[in-house]
């Protein structure tokens, strides 16, 4: 004679499944979100790097300055000529390219001060990402750029969908550091910026992108 499960046994099994799901589903969702953020960031990184190589090749130039990026106007022209731009915004008008600057936060909850520099236009690209590159011409920080990988959509948190990138005169992209140096940055320099700024309570935005590079394009924090 076949023995069927009793109602009590079924309920106990369902209860166990429910408890296990409650413990694992949030972690799985968080891991999925992290992967999505990194994929979006990597796409911006690749598109920008390819555009810079193309720009230098078109002009038979050894670096970006020689190719013609020697002012903010030239930087703006580079973006409009090498990307499909959906929106462009003046320096004093972040929307519809970026959310209100006051709405950008750090992981710690502090305000993410990524719009203090008055230079640089803002652009929304066809990919849905928004960028604000400005011509800094400061050592390895030749171009400084903030990126919101999904435009005005949330969560608008530095280190999740909002990042800083710095580009040297040769077109190398890395994290930004307070004291410009040669690219690529060392792992130690990236980790120092990550620990002091990305996770810190201050408003400066440094270190999150470098940490992702250190961890082979994984968001481990």
N, C-alpha and C. Protein backbone atom coordinates (compact mmCIF):
# COMPACT_ATOMS: atom_id res chain seq x y z
N UNK A 1 0.85 -1.18 0.00
CA UNK A 1 0.00 0.00 0.00
C UNK A 1 0.89 1.24 0.00
N UNK A 2 0.58 2.17 -0.92
CA UNK A 2 1.35 3.40 -1.01
C UNK A 2 0.96 4.33 0.13
N UNK A 3 1.97 4.96 0.69
CA UNK A 3 1.72 5.88 1.81
C UNK A 3 1.79 7.31 1.30
N UNK A 4 0.75 8.09 1.50
CA UNK A 4 0.71 9.50 1.08
C UNK A 4 1.25 10.38 2.20
N UNK A 5 1.70 11.57 1.80
CA UNK A 5 2.13 12.54 2.80
C UNK A 5 0.92 13.08 3.56
N UNK A 6 1.11 13.27 4.84
CA UNK A 6 0.03 13.86 5.62
C UNK A 6 0.04 15.37 5.43
N UNK A 7 -1.06 16.02 5.77
CA UNK A 7 -1.15 17.48 5.65
C UNK A 7 -0.08 18.15 6.49
N UNK A 8 0.19 17.61 7.66
CA UNK A 8 1.20 18.20 8.54
C UNK A 8 2.58 18.14 7.90
N UNK A 9 2.90 17.02 7.27
CA UNK A 9 4.20 16.88 6.62
C UNK A 9 4.35 17.86 5.45
N UNK A 10 3.26 18.03 4.68
CA UNK A 10 3.29 18.98 3.57
C UNK A 10 3.50 20.39 4.08
N UNK A 11 2.80 20.75 5.15
CA UNK A 11 2.92 22.10 5.70
C UNK A 11 4.32 22.36 6.25
N UNK A 12 4.90 21.34 6.90
CA UNK A 12 6.25 21.49 7.43
C UNK A 12 7.25 21.70 6.28
N UNK A 13 7.09 20.92 5.19
CA UNK A 13 7.97 21.06 4.03
C UNK A 13 7.85 22.43 3.40
N UNK A 14 6.62 22.90 3.23
CA UNK A 14 6.40 24.23 2.66
C UNK A 14 7.00 25.31 3.56
N UNK A 15 6.86 25.08 4.87
CA UNK A 15 7.44 26.06 5.80
C UNK A 15 8.94 26.15 5.68
N UNK A 16 9.59 24.98 5.54
CA UNK A 16 11.05 24.96 5.38
C UNK A 16 11.45 25.66 4.09
N UNK A 17 10.71 25.37 3.00
CA UNK A 17 11.01 26.02 1.72
C UNK A 17 10.86 27.52 1.84
N UNK A 18 9.82 27.96 2.56
CA UNK A 18 9.59 29.40 2.75
C UNK A 18 10.72 30.07 3.50
N UNK A 19 11.20 29.40 4.55
CA UNK A 19 12.29 29.97 5.35
C UNK A 19 13.57 30.07 4.52
N UNK A 20 13.89 28.99 3.77
CA UNK A 20 15.09 29.00 2.94
C UNK A 20 14.99 30.09 1.87
N UNK A 21 13.80 30.24 1.26
CA UNK A 21 13.62 31.27 0.25
C UNK A 21 13.81 32.66 0.83
N UNK A 22 13.25 32.88 2.02
CA UNK A 22 13.36 34.19 2.66
C UNK A 22 14.82 34.52 2.97
N UNK A 23 15.62 33.49 3.21
CA UNK A 23 17.03 33.72 3.53
C UNK A 23 17.88 33.94 2.28
N UNK A 24 17.52 33.30 1.18
CA UNK A 24 18.39 33.32 -0.01
C UNK A 24 17.95 34.29 -1.09
N UNK A 25 16.65 34.53 -1.24
CA UNK A 25 16.17 35.39 -2.34
C UNK A 25 16.73 36.81 -2.26
N UNK A 26 16.72 37.48 -1.08
CA UNK A 26 17.31 38.83 -1.03
C UNK A 26 18.76 38.88 -1.47
N UNK A 27 19.56 37.87 -1.09
CA UNK A 27 20.96 37.83 -1.51
C UNK A 27 21.07 37.65 -3.01
N UNK A 28 20.25 36.78 -3.56
CA UNK A 28 20.26 36.56 -5.00
C UNK A 28 19.88 37.83 -5.75
N UNK A 29 18.88 38.55 -5.24
CA UNK A 29 18.46 39.80 -5.87
C UNK A 29 19.56 40.85 -5.81
N UNK A 30 20.24 40.95 -4.68
CA UNK A 30 21.32 41.92 -4.54
C UNK A 30 22.47 41.60 -5.50
N UNK A 31 22.80 40.31 -5.61
CA UNK A 31 23.86 39.91 -6.53
C UNK A 31 23.49 40.22 -7.98
N UNK A 32 22.22 40.01 -8.32
CA UNK A 32 21.75 40.32 -9.67
C UNK A 32 21.85 41.82 -9.94
N UNK A 33 21.46 42.64 -8.95
CA UNK A 33 21.53 44.09 -9.13
C UNK A 33 22.97 44.54 -9.32
N UNK A 34 23.88 43.99 -8.54
CA UNK A 34 25.29 44.34 -8.67
C UNK A 34 25.82 44.00 -10.06
N UNK A 35 25.47 42.83 -10.55
CA UNK A 35 25.91 42.43 -11.89
C UNK A 35 25.35 43.36 -12.96
N UNK A 36 24.09 43.77 -12.79
CA UNK A 36 23.47 44.68 -13.74
C UNK A 36 24.19 46.02 -13.76
N UNK A 37 24.51 46.55 -12.58
CA UNK A 37 25.24 47.82 -12.50
C UNK A 37 26.59 47.72 -13.21
N UNK A 38 27.30 46.62 -12.98
CA UNK A 38 28.64 46.47 -13.55
C UNK A 38 28.56 46.32 -15.07
N UNK A 39 27.57 45.57 -15.56
CA UNK A 39 27.41 45.41 -17.01
C UNK A 39 27.16 46.77 -17.66
N UNK A 40 26.31 47.59 -17.05
CA UNK A 40 26.03 48.92 -17.59
C UNK A 40 27.28 49.79 -17.57
N UNK A 41 28.04 49.71 -16.48
CA UNK A 41 29.27 50.50 -16.36
C UNK A 41 30.30 50.06 -17.39
N UNK A 42 30.45 48.77 -17.56
CA UNK A 42 31.42 48.24 -18.51
C UNK A 42 31.08 48.68 -19.93
N UNK A 43 29.80 48.77 -20.24
CA UNK A 43 29.38 49.21 -21.57
C UNK A 43 29.82 50.65 -21.83
N UNK A 44 29.64 51.53 -20.85
CA UNK A 44 30.07 52.92 -20.99
C UNK A 44 31.59 52.97 -21.16
N UNK A 45 32.29 52.22 -20.34
CA UNK A 45 33.76 52.16 -20.40
C UNK A 45 34.23 51.75 -21.80
N UNK A 46 33.65 50.67 -22.31
CA UNK A 46 34.06 50.16 -23.63
C UNK A 46 33.74 51.15 -24.74
N UNK A 47 32.54 51.73 -24.71
CA UNK A 47 32.14 52.67 -25.75
C UNK A 47 33.05 53.90 -25.76
N UNK A 48 33.38 54.39 -24.59
CA UNK A 48 34.21 55.59 -24.52
C UNK A 48 35.64 55.28 -24.95
N UNK A 49 36.15 54.13 -24.55
CA UNK A 49 37.51 53.76 -24.93
C UNK A 49 37.62 53.57 -26.44
N UNK A 50 36.64 52.91 -27.05
CA UNK A 50 36.64 52.70 -28.50
C UNK A 50 36.54 54.02 -29.25
N UNK A 51 35.71 54.94 -28.72
CA UNK A 51 35.56 56.24 -29.38
C UNK A 51 36.86 57.03 -29.35
N UNK A 52 37.60 56.96 -28.25
CA UNK A 52 38.86 57.69 -28.16
C UNK A 52 39.92 57.12 -29.09
N UNK A 53 39.97 55.79 -29.19
CA UNK A 53 40.91 55.16 -30.12
C UNK A 53 40.58 55.58 -31.54
N UNK A 54 39.29 55.56 -31.88
CA UNK A 54 38.87 55.97 -33.22
C UNK A 54 39.24 57.43 -33.48
N UNK A 55 39.04 58.29 -32.48
CA UNK A 55 39.33 59.72 -32.61
C UNK A 55 40.81 59.96 -32.90
N UNK A 56 41.67 59.26 -32.17
CA UNK A 56 43.11 59.43 -32.39
C UNK A 56 43.54 58.83 -33.72
N UNK A 57 42.94 57.72 -34.10
CA UNK A 57 43.27 57.08 -35.37
C UNK A 57 42.87 57.95 -36.55
N UNK A 58 41.69 58.56 -36.47
CA UNK A 58 41.21 59.43 -37.54
C UNK A 58 42.18 60.57 -37.81
N UNK A 59 42.85 61.03 -36.75
CA UNK A 59 43.73 62.18 -36.88
C UNK A 59 45.21 61.80 -36.88
N UNK A 60 45.46 60.49 -36.94
CA UNK A 60 46.84 60.00 -36.96
C UNK A 60 47.65 60.63 -35.82
N UNK A 61 47.01 60.65 -34.63
CA UNK A 61 47.61 61.32 -33.48
C UNK A 61 48.08 60.31 -32.45
N UNK A 62 49.08 60.69 -31.67
CA UNK A 62 49.62 59.81 -30.64
C UNK A 62 48.86 59.89 -29.34
N UNK A 63 48.16 61.00 -29.11
CA UNK A 63 47.38 61.14 -27.88
C UNK A 63 46.19 62.06 -28.12
N UNK A 64 45.36 62.21 -27.10
CA UNK A 64 44.13 62.99 -27.24
C UNK A 64 44.40 64.47 -27.46
N UNK A 65 45.42 65.00 -26.80
CA UNK A 65 45.74 66.42 -26.99
C UNK A 65 46.18 66.69 -28.42
N UNK A 66 47.04 65.82 -28.93
CA UNK A 66 47.52 65.96 -30.29
C UNK A 66 46.36 65.80 -31.29
N UNK A 67 45.37 64.97 -30.91
CA UNK A 67 44.21 64.76 -31.80
C UNK A 67 43.27 65.96 -31.81
N UNK A 68 43.38 66.82 -30.78
CA UNK A 68 42.58 68.04 -30.82
C UNK A 68 41.80 68.36 -29.58
N UNK A 69 41.83 67.49 -28.57
CA UNK A 69 41.12 67.84 -27.33
C UNK A 69 42.03 68.74 -26.50
N UNK A 70 41.78 70.03 -26.60
CA UNK A 70 42.58 71.02 -25.88
C UNK A 70 41.72 72.09 -25.22
N UNK A 71 40.43 71.82 -25.10
CA UNK A 71 39.51 72.76 -24.46
C UNK A 71 38.20 72.03 -24.15
N UNK A 72 37.36 72.68 -23.36
CA UNK A 72 36.05 72.08 -23.07
C UNK A 72 35.19 72.01 -24.33
N UNK A 73 35.29 73.00 -25.18
CA UNK A 73 34.53 72.99 -26.43
C UNK A 73 34.92 71.80 -27.29
N UNK A 74 36.22 71.49 -27.34
CA UNK A 74 36.69 70.34 -28.11
C UNK A 74 36.19 69.03 -27.49
N UNK A 75 36.14 69.00 -26.16
CA UNK A 75 35.62 67.82 -25.47
C UNK A 75 34.16 67.59 -25.81
N UNK A 76 33.37 68.68 -25.79
CA UNK A 76 31.95 68.58 -26.14
C UNK A 76 31.76 68.11 -27.58
N UNK A 77 32.59 68.63 -28.47
CA UNK A 77 32.51 68.26 -29.87
C UNK A 77 32.85 66.79 -30.07
N UNK A 78 33.83 66.30 -29.33
CA UNK A 78 34.19 64.89 -29.40
C UNK A 78 32.98 64.01 -29.08
N UNK A 79 32.25 64.34 -28.02
CA UNK A 79 31.09 63.53 -27.62
C UNK A 79 30.00 63.57 -28.68
N UNK A 80 29.67 64.76 -29.14
CA UNK A 80 28.56 64.88 -30.10
C UNK A 80 28.89 64.23 -31.44
N UNK A 81 30.18 64.16 -31.79
CA UNK A 81 30.57 63.58 -33.08
C UNK A 81 30.81 62.08 -33.04
N UNK A 82 30.98 61.51 -31.84
CA UNK A 82 31.33 60.09 -31.74
C UNK A 82 30.30 59.27 -30.98
N UNK A 83 29.25 59.90 -30.51
CA UNK A 83 28.19 59.18 -29.81
C UNK A 83 26.84 59.65 -30.34
N UNK A 84 25.85 58.78 -30.24
CA UNK A 84 24.49 59.19 -30.53
C UNK A 84 23.93 59.82 -29.26
N UNK A 85 23.77 61.15 -29.28
CA UNK A 85 23.34 61.90 -28.09
C UNK A 85 21.83 62.10 -28.13
N UNK A 86 21.17 61.70 -27.06
CA UNK A 86 19.72 61.84 -26.94
C UNK A 86 19.36 63.18 -26.31
N UNK A 87 20.08 63.55 -25.25
CA UNK A 87 19.86 64.84 -24.58
C UNK A 87 21.21 65.50 -24.34
N UNK A 88 21.25 66.83 -24.41
CA UNK A 88 22.43 67.58 -23.98
C UNK A 88 21.95 68.67 -23.04
N UNK A 89 22.71 68.88 -21.98
CA UNK A 89 22.29 69.82 -20.93
C UNK A 89 23.43 70.79 -20.62
N UNK A 90 23.08 72.03 -20.38
CA UNK A 90 24.06 73.03 -20.00
C UNK A 90 24.56 72.77 -18.59
N UNK A 91 25.67 73.40 -18.23
CA UNK A 91 26.29 73.12 -16.94
C UNK A 91 25.36 73.40 -15.76
N UNK A 92 24.48 74.38 -15.89
CA UNK A 92 23.61 74.74 -14.76
C UNK A 92 22.28 74.01 -14.79
N UNK A 93 22.06 73.14 -15.78
CA UNK A 93 20.79 72.42 -15.89
C UNK A 93 21.08 70.93 -16.02
N UNK A 94 20.93 70.20 -14.92
CA UNK A 94 21.26 68.78 -14.96
C UNK A 94 20.18 67.95 -15.66
N UNK A 95 18.93 68.30 -15.47
CA UNK A 95 17.85 67.51 -16.10
C UNK A 95 17.62 68.00 -17.52
N UNK A 96 17.27 67.08 -18.44
CA UNK A 96 16.92 65.66 -18.25
C UNK A 96 18.10 64.70 -18.38
N UNK A 97 19.32 65.19 -18.28
CA UNK A 97 20.49 64.31 -18.41
C UNK A 97 20.75 63.56 -17.10
N UNK A 98 20.78 64.29 -16.00
CA UNK A 98 21.01 63.71 -14.68
C UNK A 98 19.87 64.12 -13.74
N UNK A 99 19.74 63.38 -12.67
CA UNK A 99 18.82 63.78 -11.61
C UNK A 99 19.36 65.05 -10.93
N UNK A 100 18.52 65.65 -10.10
CA UNK A 100 18.95 66.78 -9.29
C UNK A 100 20.19 66.37 -8.48
N UNK A 101 21.27 67.14 -8.52
CA UNK A 101 22.49 66.75 -7.80
C UNK A 101 22.26 66.43 -6.32
N UNK A 102 21.28 67.09 -5.70
CA UNK A 102 21.01 66.84 -4.28
C UNK A 102 20.50 65.43 -4.02
N UNK A 103 20.02 64.76 -5.08
CA UNK A 103 19.45 63.42 -4.92
C UNK A 103 20.49 62.31 -5.06
N UNK A 104 21.72 62.68 -5.37
CA UNK A 104 22.77 61.66 -5.48
C UNK A 104 23.42 61.46 -4.11
N UNK A 105 23.45 60.21 -3.68
CA UNK A 105 23.99 59.87 -2.37
C UNK A 105 25.14 58.89 -2.50
N UNK A 106 25.89 58.77 -1.42
CA UNK A 106 26.93 57.75 -1.33
C UNK A 106 26.36 56.55 -0.58
N UNK A 107 27.09 55.46 -0.59
CA UNK A 107 26.64 54.26 0.10
C UNK A 107 26.42 54.54 1.58
N UNK A 108 27.22 55.45 2.14
CA UNK A 108 27.10 55.82 3.56
C UNK A 108 25.86 56.66 3.83
N UNK A 109 25.23 57.19 2.78
CA UNK A 109 24.09 58.08 2.95
C UNK A 109 24.45 59.54 2.80
N UNK A 110 25.75 59.86 2.75
CA UNK A 110 26.18 61.24 2.57
C UNK A 110 25.87 61.70 1.15
N UNK A 111 25.81 63.02 0.96
CA UNK A 111 25.60 63.57 -0.37
C UNK A 111 26.82 63.26 -1.24
N UNK A 112 26.58 62.81 -2.47
CA UNK A 112 27.67 62.54 -3.41
C UNK A 112 27.91 63.80 -4.24
N UNK A 113 28.99 64.49 -3.94
CA UNK A 113 29.26 65.79 -4.56
C UNK A 113 29.99 65.59 -5.89
N UNK A 114 29.22 65.28 -6.94
CA UNK A 114 29.82 65.03 -8.23
C UNK A 114 29.61 66.12 -9.24
N UNK A 115 28.99 67.23 -8.82
CA UNK A 115 28.65 68.30 -9.77
C UNK A 115 29.18 69.65 -9.31
N UNK A 116 30.23 69.63 -8.47
CA UNK A 116 30.75 70.89 -7.94
C UNK A 116 31.54 71.67 -8.99
N UNK A 117 32.12 70.95 -9.96
CA UNK A 117 32.88 71.63 -11.00
C UNK A 117 31.92 72.24 -12.02
N UNK A 118 32.07 73.50 -12.33
CA UNK A 118 31.15 74.18 -13.22
C UNK A 118 31.42 73.91 -14.70
N UNK A 119 32.54 73.27 -14.99
CA UNK A 119 32.89 73.00 -16.38
C UNK A 119 32.18 71.74 -16.87
N UNK A 120 31.97 71.68 -18.16
CA UNK A 120 31.49 70.44 -18.75
C UNK A 120 30.01 70.39 -19.00
N UNK A 121 29.63 70.10 -20.24
CA UNK A 121 28.23 69.85 -20.56
C UNK A 121 27.88 68.42 -20.17
N UNK A 122 26.59 68.14 -20.11
CA UNK A 122 26.09 66.82 -19.77
C UNK A 122 25.35 66.25 -20.97
N UNK A 123 25.45 64.93 -21.13
CA UNK A 123 24.84 64.27 -22.28
C UNK A 123 24.19 62.97 -21.85
N UNK A 124 23.02 62.68 -22.43
CA UNK A 124 22.43 61.35 -22.32
C UNK A 124 22.68 60.64 -23.64
N UNK A 125 23.26 59.45 -23.54
CA UNK A 125 23.61 58.68 -24.73
C UNK A 125 22.48 57.72 -25.10
N UNK A 126 22.55 57.20 -26.31
CA UNK A 126 21.51 56.28 -26.79
C UNK A 126 21.43 55.02 -25.93
N UNK A 127 22.52 54.67 -25.27
CA UNK A 127 22.53 53.49 -24.39
C UNK A 127 21.70 53.70 -23.14
N UNK A 128 21.34 54.95 -22.84
CA UNK A 128 20.60 55.27 -21.62
C UNK A 128 21.48 55.84 -20.53
N UNK A 129 22.80 55.77 -20.72
CA UNK A 129 23.73 56.32 -19.73
C UNK A 129 23.86 57.83 -19.92
N UNK A 130 24.16 58.52 -18.83
CA UNK A 130 24.44 59.94 -18.88
C UNK A 130 25.88 60.18 -18.46
N UNK A 131 26.55 61.11 -19.15
CA UNK A 131 27.94 61.40 -18.86
C UNK A 131 28.13 62.91 -18.73
N UNK A 132 29.12 63.28 -17.93
CA UNK A 132 29.50 64.69 -17.81
C UNK A 132 31.02 64.77 -17.82
N UNK A 133 31.61 64.81 -19.01
CA UNK A 133 33.07 64.88 -19.11
C UNK A 133 33.55 66.34 -19.15
N UNK A 134 34.57 66.65 -18.38
CA UNK A 134 35.14 67.98 -18.50
C UNK A 134 36.65 67.90 -18.69
N UNK A 135 37.11 68.89 -19.44
CA UNK A 135 38.52 68.98 -19.79
C UNK A 135 39.26 69.54 -18.59
N UNK A 136 39.96 68.67 -17.85
CA UNK A 136 40.67 69.09 -16.65
C UNK A 136 42.12 69.42 -16.93
N UNK A 137 42.77 68.64 -17.83
CA UNK A 137 44.17 68.86 -18.21
C UNK A 137 45.05 68.93 -16.97
N UNK A 138 44.87 67.97 -16.08
CA UNK A 138 45.58 67.96 -14.81
C UNK A 138 46.28 66.61 -14.63
N UNK A 139 47.46 66.47 -15.21
CA UNK A 139 48.21 65.23 -15.09
C UNK A 139 47.43 64.06 -15.68
N UNK A 140 47.35 62.96 -14.92
CA UNK A 140 46.60 61.80 -15.40
C UNK A 140 45.11 62.10 -15.51
N UNK A 141 44.65 63.09 -14.76
CA UNK A 141 43.25 63.49 -14.85
C UNK A 141 43.07 64.49 -16.00
N UNK A 142 43.38 64.04 -17.20
CA UNK A 142 43.26 64.88 -18.39
C UNK A 142 41.79 65.20 -18.66
N UNK A 143 40.96 64.17 -18.58
CA UNK A 143 39.51 64.33 -18.66
C UNK A 143 38.91 63.69 -17.41
N UNK A 144 38.05 64.41 -16.73
CA UNK A 144 37.35 63.90 -15.55
C UNK A 144 35.89 63.75 -15.93
N UNK A 145 35.31 62.60 -15.62
CA UNK A 145 33.95 62.34 -16.08
C UNK A 145 33.13 61.64 -15.00
N UNK A 146 31.92 62.14 -14.76
CA UNK A 146 30.97 61.41 -13.94
C UNK A 146 29.99 60.70 -14.86
N UNK A 147 29.58 59.52 -14.44
CA UNK A 147 28.72 58.65 -15.25
C UNK A 147 27.57 58.16 -14.42
N UNK A 148 26.35 58.34 -14.93
CA UNK A 148 25.19 57.66 -14.35
C UNK A 148 24.77 56.63 -15.38
N UNK A 149 24.97 55.36 -15.05
CA UNK A 149 24.82 54.31 -16.05
C UNK A 149 23.39 54.13 -16.55
N UNK A 150 22.40 54.62 -15.80
CA UNK A 150 21.02 54.51 -16.25
C UNK A 150 20.28 55.85 -16.23
N UNK A 151 21.04 56.92 -16.43
CA UNK A 151 20.43 58.24 -16.53
C UNK A 151 19.75 58.67 -15.25
N UNK A 152 18.54 59.18 -15.38
CA UNK A 152 17.82 59.72 -14.23
C UNK A 152 17.17 58.65 -13.36
N UNK A 153 17.21 57.41 -13.80
CA UNK A 153 16.62 56.34 -13.00
C UNK A 153 17.43 56.11 -11.73
N UNK A 154 16.77 55.57 -10.71
CA UNK A 154 17.43 55.27 -9.45
C UNK A 154 18.37 54.08 -9.57
N UNK A 155 19.13 53.82 -8.49
CA UNK A 155 19.00 54.43 -7.17
C UNK A 155 19.79 55.72 -7.00
N UNK A 156 20.60 56.11 -8.00
CA UNK A 156 21.40 57.34 -7.92
C UNK A 156 22.32 57.33 -6.69
N UNK A 157 23.03 56.22 -6.55
CA UNK A 157 23.97 56.04 -5.44
C UNK A 157 25.37 55.86 -6.01
N UNK A 158 26.31 56.65 -5.50
CA UNK A 158 27.69 56.54 -5.95
C UNK A 158 28.24 55.16 -5.60
N UNK A 159 28.75 54.49 -6.61
CA UNK A 159 29.26 53.13 -6.42
C UNK A 159 28.27 52.07 -6.82
N UNK A 160 27.04 52.48 -7.15
CA UNK A 160 26.04 51.55 -7.66
C UNK A 160 25.76 51.86 -9.14
N UNK A 161 25.03 52.93 -9.40
CA UNK A 161 24.78 53.33 -10.79
C UNK A 161 25.45 54.66 -11.13
N UNK A 162 26.20 55.23 -10.20
CA UNK A 162 26.83 56.54 -10.37
C UNK A 162 28.32 56.40 -10.07
N UNK A 163 29.19 56.86 -11.01
CA UNK A 163 30.63 56.64 -10.87
C UNK A 163 31.42 57.83 -11.38
N UNK A 164 32.68 57.87 -10.98
CA UNK A 164 33.64 58.80 -11.55
C UNK A 164 34.65 58.01 -12.36
N UNK A 165 35.10 58.61 -13.46
CA UNK A 165 36.18 58.04 -14.26
C UNK A 165 37.16 59.15 -14.59
N UNK A 166 38.43 58.81 -14.68
CA UNK A 166 39.42 59.76 -15.15
C UNK A 166 40.14 59.16 -16.35
N UNK A 167 40.49 60.03 -17.29
CA UNK A 167 41.10 59.60 -18.54
C UNK A 167 42.39 60.40 -18.73
N UNK A 168 43.49 59.70 -18.98
CA UNK A 168 44.74 60.43 -19.19
C UNK A 168 44.87 60.83 -20.66
N UNK A 169 45.92 61.55 -20.98
CA UNK A 169 46.09 62.12 -22.32
C UNK A 169 46.23 61.03 -23.38
N UNK A 170 46.60 59.82 -22.97
CA UNK A 170 46.75 58.72 -23.91
C UNK A 170 45.47 57.91 -24.11
N UNK A 171 44.41 58.31 -23.41
CA UNK A 171 43.14 57.61 -23.56
C UNK A 171 42.94 56.45 -22.60
N UNK A 172 43.82 56.30 -21.61
CA UNK A 172 43.65 55.27 -20.60
C UNK A 172 42.60 55.70 -19.58
N UNK A 173 41.69 54.81 -19.23
CA UNK A 173 40.61 55.12 -18.30
C UNK A 173 40.86 54.39 -16.98
N UNK A 174 40.75 55.12 -15.89
CA UNK A 174 40.95 54.52 -14.57
C UNK A 174 40.10 55.29 -13.57
N UNK A 175 40.22 54.92 -12.31
CA UNK A 175 39.57 55.68 -11.26
C UNK A 175 40.27 57.01 -11.07
N UNK A 176 39.58 57.93 -10.45
CA UNK A 176 40.17 59.24 -10.15
C UNK A 176 40.84 59.19 -8.78
N UNK A 177 41.94 59.89 -8.65
CA UNK A 177 42.63 60.03 -7.37
C UNK A 177 42.91 61.50 -7.14
N UNK A 178 43.03 61.87 -5.87
CA UNK A 178 43.20 63.28 -5.52
C UNK A 178 44.49 63.85 -6.10
N UNK A 179 45.57 63.07 -6.04
CA UNK A 179 46.85 63.52 -6.59
C UNK A 179 47.11 62.77 -7.90
N UNK A 180 46.95 63.44 -9.03
CA UNK A 180 47.11 62.76 -10.33
C UNK A 180 48.47 62.09 -10.44
N UNK A 181 48.46 60.91 -11.02
CA UNK A 181 49.69 60.14 -11.20
C UNK A 181 49.59 59.43 -12.54
N UNK A 182 50.48 58.49 -12.80
CA UNK A 182 50.44 57.79 -14.08
C UNK A 182 49.40 56.67 -14.05
N UNK A 183 48.82 56.41 -15.22
CA UNK A 183 47.85 55.33 -15.38
C UNK A 183 48.54 54.15 -16.05
N UNK A 184 48.13 52.91 -15.77
CA UNK A 184 47.06 52.55 -14.84
C UNK A 184 47.50 52.73 -13.39
N UNK A 185 46.52 52.98 -12.53
CA UNK A 185 46.81 53.11 -11.11
C UNK A 185 47.23 51.76 -10.53
N UNK A 186 47.99 51.81 -9.48
CA UNK A 186 48.34 50.57 -8.78
C UNK A 186 47.13 50.07 -8.00
N UNK A 187 47.13 48.79 -7.69
CA UNK A 187 46.05 48.22 -6.88
C UNK A 187 45.97 48.91 -5.53
N UNK A 188 47.12 49.23 -4.96
CA UNK A 188 47.14 49.88 -3.64
C UNK A 188 46.51 51.27 -3.72
N UNK A 189 46.83 52.02 -4.79
CA UNK A 189 46.25 53.36 -4.93
C UNK A 189 44.73 53.29 -5.07
N UNK A 190 44.26 52.32 -5.82
CA UNK A 190 42.81 52.15 -5.98
C UNK A 190 42.16 51.79 -4.65
N UNK A 191 42.79 50.86 -3.91
CA UNK A 191 42.22 50.44 -2.63
C UNK A 191 42.21 51.59 -1.62
N UNK A 192 43.27 52.40 -1.65
CA UNK A 192 43.32 53.54 -0.73
C UNK A 192 42.18 54.51 -1.00
N UNK A 193 41.94 54.82 -2.27
CA UNK A 193 40.84 55.72 -2.63
C UNK A 193 39.49 55.10 -2.28
N UNK A 194 39.37 53.81 -2.46
CA UNK A 194 38.12 53.12 -2.14
C UNK A 194 37.81 53.20 -0.65
N UNK A 195 38.79 52.87 0.17
CA UNK A 195 38.56 52.84 1.61
C UNK A 195 38.35 54.22 2.20
N UNK A 196 39.05 55.21 1.66
CA UNK A 196 38.97 56.55 2.24
C UNK A 196 37.77 57.34 1.73
N UNK A 197 37.33 57.04 0.50
CA UNK A 197 36.29 57.89 -0.09
C UNK A 197 35.03 57.14 -0.48
N UNK A 198 35.17 56.06 -1.23
CA UNK A 198 33.97 55.37 -1.70
C UNK A 198 33.07 54.96 -0.54
N UNK A 199 33.67 54.41 0.50
CA UNK A 199 32.90 53.98 1.66
C UNK A 199 32.83 55.03 2.76
N UNK A 200 33.49 56.16 2.54
CA UNK A 200 33.57 57.17 3.59
C UNK A 200 32.34 58.03 3.70
N UNK A 201 32.33 58.86 4.73
CA UNK A 201 31.20 59.77 4.99
C UNK A 201 31.35 61.12 4.33
N UNK A 202 32.52 61.39 3.75
CA UNK A 202 32.71 62.67 3.07
C UNK A 202 31.92 62.72 1.77
N UNK A 203 31.84 63.91 1.19
CA UNK A 203 31.05 64.10 -0.02
C UNK A 203 31.83 63.80 -1.31
N UNK A 204 33.16 63.69 -1.23
CA UNK A 204 33.95 63.47 -2.44
C UNK A 204 33.66 62.10 -3.03
N UNK A 205 33.73 62.01 -4.35
CA UNK A 205 33.47 60.74 -5.03
C UNK A 205 34.75 60.24 -5.67
N UNK A 206 35.39 59.33 -5.00
CA UNK A 206 36.61 58.68 -5.47
C UNK A 206 36.57 57.21 -5.05
N UNK A 207 37.19 56.36 -5.85
CA UNK A 207 37.51 55.02 -5.38
C UNK A 207 36.61 53.88 -5.78
N UNK A 208 35.34 54.13 -6.08
CA UNK A 208 34.44 53.00 -6.38
C UNK A 208 34.80 52.32 -7.70
N UNK A 209 35.03 53.12 -8.74
CA UNK A 209 35.36 52.54 -10.04
C UNK A 209 36.69 51.79 -9.98
N UNK A 210 37.66 52.36 -9.30
CA UNK A 210 38.96 51.70 -9.16
C UNK A 210 38.85 50.36 -8.46
N UNK A 211 37.97 50.28 -7.48
CA UNK A 211 37.76 49.02 -6.76
C UNK A 211 37.20 47.96 -7.70
N UNK A 212 36.27 48.34 -8.56
CA UNK A 212 35.70 47.39 -9.53
C UNK A 212 36.79 46.92 -10.50
N UNK A 213 37.68 47.81 -10.91
CA UNK A 213 38.79 47.40 -11.77
C UNK A 213 39.70 46.42 -11.03
N UNK A 214 39.98 46.72 -9.76
CA UNK A 214 40.83 45.82 -8.97
C UNK A 214 40.23 44.42 -8.86
N UNK A 215 38.92 44.36 -8.77
CA UNK A 215 38.24 43.08 -8.57
C UNK A 215 37.75 42.45 -9.86
N UNK A 216 38.41 42.83 -10.97
CA UNK A 216 38.14 42.20 -12.28
C UNK A 216 36.67 42.35 -12.67
N UNK A 217 36.19 43.58 -12.61
CA UNK A 217 34.83 43.91 -13.01
C UNK A 217 33.77 43.15 -12.21
N UNK A 218 33.99 43.11 -10.91
CA UNK A 218 33.00 42.57 -9.98
C UNK A 218 32.74 43.63 -8.92
N UNK A 219 31.47 43.77 -8.54
CA UNK A 219 31.12 44.69 -7.47
C UNK A 219 31.04 43.88 -6.17
N UNK A 220 32.14 43.87 -5.43
CA UNK A 220 32.25 43.02 -4.24
C UNK A 220 31.91 43.75 -2.95
N UNK A 221 31.63 45.03 -3.04
CA UNK A 221 31.37 45.79 -1.81
C UNK A 221 29.87 46.02 -1.62
